[in-house]
Amino acid sequence: MKSVYFFIAFLVVLLDQTTKYLARSFIDPSVAIGVLPFLQLVSFRNEGAAFGLFRGLGNEIFIIIFLAAITLLLYLLITGREDRFGPSLMLGGAAGNLTDRIFFGGVTDFIDVFVGRLHWPAFNIADSALTIGIISMLLMQLKQSGRSIKEEL
């Protein structure tokens, strides 16, 4: 049954890389394409971490960090008993962004969400999968903690 979680990770990478390819191929970096009143598509290469932070560290450091994270996520998927959905999303997201770093020297971001003039930093499918995976793992931990507290009472 573990294979379904590796398949989920594979699907995340496939969707992520396909959408990034489309963004790099069809969106001019100087143009934003409006989709909804709060959403537009852009083409931006992020050479830093989340929100463009730590750009000066260099791509090699981020590659090492992603490889370490992927190793940990593989361990969690193989040995985990409870929540494998969260780690599978995180594995796909980490692998998708690692692929960009290796082949393009930075991560392609293309989703721009905003309210008026306030913009959330651009992101991509891999970032979304990482975020949802982290939230899933946190919710599972909270659920397990609640169960432990009830058992103690």
Protein backbone atom coordinates (compact mmCIF):
# COMPACT_ATOMS: atom_id res chain seq x y z
CA MET A 1 0.00 0.00 0.00
CA LYS A 2 3.02 2.28 0.40
CA SER A 3 3.33 2.46 -3.38
CA VAL A 4 0.22 4.65 -3.62
CA TYR A 5 2.03 7.34 -1.61
CA PHE A 6 5.04 7.21 -3.92
CA PHE A 7 2.61 7.52 -6.82
CA ILE A 8 1.12 10.64 -5.19
CA ALA A 9 4.62 12.11 -4.91
CA PHE A 10 5.27 11.26 -8.56
CA LEU A 11 2.02 12.95 -9.62
CA VAL A 12 2.99 16.10 -7.70
CA VAL A 13 6.37 16.21 -9.49
CA LEU A 14 4.72 15.59 -12.87
CA LEU A 15 2.10 18.33 -12.37
CA ASP A 16 4.69 20.71 -10.93
CA GLN A 17 7.21 20.24 -13.74
CA THR A 18 4.52 20.43 -16.43
CA THR A 19 3.12 23.71 -15.12
CA LYS A 20 6.59 25.20 -14.63
CA TYR A 21 7.51 24.24 -18.19
CA LEU A 22 4.36 25.98 -19.45
CA ALA A 23 5.14 29.08 -17.38
CA ARG A 24 8.73 29.26 -18.65
CA SER A 25 7.63 28.63 -22.25
CA PHE A 26 4.55 30.83 -22.58
CA ILE A 27 4.69 33.60 -19.98
CA ASP A 28 6.97 36.53 -20.67
CA PRO A 29 8.78 37.46 -17.40
CA SER A 30 7.76 41.10 -17.89
CA VAL A 31 4.04 40.31 -18.28
CA ALA A 32 1.38 39.23 -15.77
CA ILE A 33 -1.65 37.34 -17.06
CA GLY A 34 -4.81 38.11 -15.09
CA VAL A 35 -6.91 35.04 -14.28
CA LEU A 36 -9.18 36.21 -11.43
CA PRO A 37 -9.47 39.53 -9.56
CA PHE A 38 -6.99 38.15 -6.98
CA LEU A 39 -4.88 35.79 -9.13
CA GLN A 40 -2.47 36.20 -12.00
CA LEU A 41 0.15 34.08 -13.71
CA VAL A 42 3.72 35.33 -13.87
CA SER A 43 7.11 33.84 -14.71
CA PHE A 44 9.72 34.35 -12.02
CA ARG A 45 12.91 32.47 -11.17
CA ASN A 46 13.46 32.31 -7.42
CA GLU A 47 17.09 31.73 -6.53
CA GLY A 48 16.47 31.93 -2.78
CA ALA A 49 14.40 29.99 -0.29
CA ALA A 50 10.75 30.66 0.56
CA PHE A 51 9.77 34.23 -0.36
CA GLY A 52 13.16 34.71 -2.03
CA LEU A 53 15.00 34.72 1.32
CA PHE A 54 18.69 33.77 1.59
CA ARG A 55 19.42 34.28 -2.12
CA GLY A 56 23.07 34.88 -1.29
CA LEU A 57 23.65 31.37 0.07
CA GLY A 58 23.96 29.88 -3.40
CA ASN A 59 22.06 27.18 -5.20
CA GLU A 60 24.37 24.38 -3.99
CA ILE A 61 23.32 24.89 -0.35
CA PHE A 62 19.64 24.62 -1.31
CA ILE A 63 20.33 21.45 -3.29
CA ILE A 64 21.97 19.90 -0.21
CA ILE A 65 19.04 20.97 1.98
CA PHE A 66 16.51 19.48 -0.48
CA LEU A 67 18.47 16.21 -0.67
CA ALA A 68 18.49 15.97 3.13
CA ALA A 69 14.75 16.72 3.27
CA ILE A 70 14.01 14.11 0.59
CA THR A 71 16.03 11.52 2.52
CA LEU A 72 14.02 12.24 5.68
CA LEU A 73 10.71 12.14 3.78
CA LEU A 74 11.60 8.80 2.16
CA TYR A 75 12.36 7.44 5.64
CA LEU A 76 8.99 8.70 6.93
CA LEU A 77 7.13 7.18 3.99
CA ILE A 78 8.83 3.81 4.35
CA THR A 79 8.64 3.51 8.14
CA GLY A 80 5.59 5.65 8.95
CA ARG A 81 2.48 4.07 10.40
CA GLU A 82 -0.07 6.84 10.52
CA ASP A 83 0.10 9.77 8.12
CA ARG A 84 1.80 9.04 4.84
CA PHE A 85 -0.27 11.46 2.77
CA GLY A 86 1.47 14.55 4.17
CA PRO A 87 4.99 13.22 3.62
CA SER A 88 4.07 12.06 0.10
CA LEU A 89 2.97 15.60 -0.83
CA MET A 90 6.09 17.03 0.75
CA LEU A 91 8.30 14.52 -1.08
CA GLY A 92 6.73 15.47 -4.42
CA GLY A 93 7.10 19.18 -3.67
CA ALA A 94 10.72 18.86 -2.57
CA ALA A 95 11.59 16.73 -5.61
CA GLY A 96 9.87 19.20 -7.94
CA ASN A 97 11.76 22.18 -6.59
CA LEU A 98 15.03 20.21 -6.45
CA THR A 99 14.60 19.39 -10.15
CA ASP A 100 14.36 23.12 -10.93
CA ARG A 101 17.42 23.93 -8.85
CA ILE A 102 19.51 21.28 -10.59
CA PHE A 103 18.44 22.08 -14.16
CA PHE A 104 17.67 25.81 -14.00
CA GLY A 105 19.70 27.19 -11.07
CA GLY A 106 16.56 28.34 -9.27
CA VAL A 107 12.89 27.53 -8.79
CA THR A 108 10.26 28.67 -11.30
CA ASP A 109 7.39 30.44 -9.55
CA PHE A 110 4.30 31.45 -11.50
CA ILE A 111 1.24 31.77 -9.24
CA ASP A 112 0.70 35.31 -7.95
CA VAL A 113 -2.08 35.85 -5.41
CA PHE A 114 -2.88 39.38 -4.30
CA VAL A 115 -5.39 41.75 -2.72
CA GLY A 116 -5.22 45.21 -4.21
CA ARG A 117 -1.54 46.14 -4.24
CA LEU A 118 -0.58 43.56 -1.60
CA HIS A 119 0.98 40.48 -3.22
CA TRP A 120 1.85 37.16 -1.62
CA PRO A 121 5.24 36.07 -2.98
CA ALA A 122 4.86 34.08 -6.20
CA PHE A 123 4.80 30.30 -5.74
CA ASN A 124 4.27 27.06 -7.66
CA ILE A 125 2.61 23.63 -7.41
CA ALA A 126 5.56 22.14 -5.49
CA ASP A 127 5.31 24.92 -2.89
CA SER A 128 1.57 24.27 -2.57
CA ALA A 129 2.15 20.53 -2.10
CA LEU A 130 4.80 21.23 0.54
CA THR A 131 2.43 23.55 2.41
CA ILE A 132 -0.52 21.14 2.28
CA GLY A 133 1.76 18.27 3.33
CA ILE A 134 3.05 20.22 6.34
CA ILE A 135 -0.51 21.18 7.37
CA SER A 136 -1.61 17.54 7.00
CA MET A 137 1.23 16.36 9.24
CA LEU A 138 0.49 19.04 11.84
CA LEU A 139 -3.21 18.14 11.90
CA MET A 140 -2.32 14.47 12.32
CA GLN A 141 -0.02 15.35 15.23
CA LEU A 142 -2.75 17.44 16.85
CA LYS A 143 -5.22 14.59 16.40
CA GLN A 144 -2.80 12.12 17.98
CA SER A 145 -2.05 14.54 20.83
CA GLY A 146 -5.76 14.92 21.49
CA ARG A 147 -6.14 11.15 21.56
CA SER A 148 -3.24 10.86 24.05
CA ILE A 149 -4.76 13.48 26.34
CA LYS A 150 -8.14 11.70 26.32
CA GLU A 151 -6.46 8.39 27.16
CA GLU A 152 -4.69 9.98 30.14
CA LEU A 153 -7.97 11.32 31.52
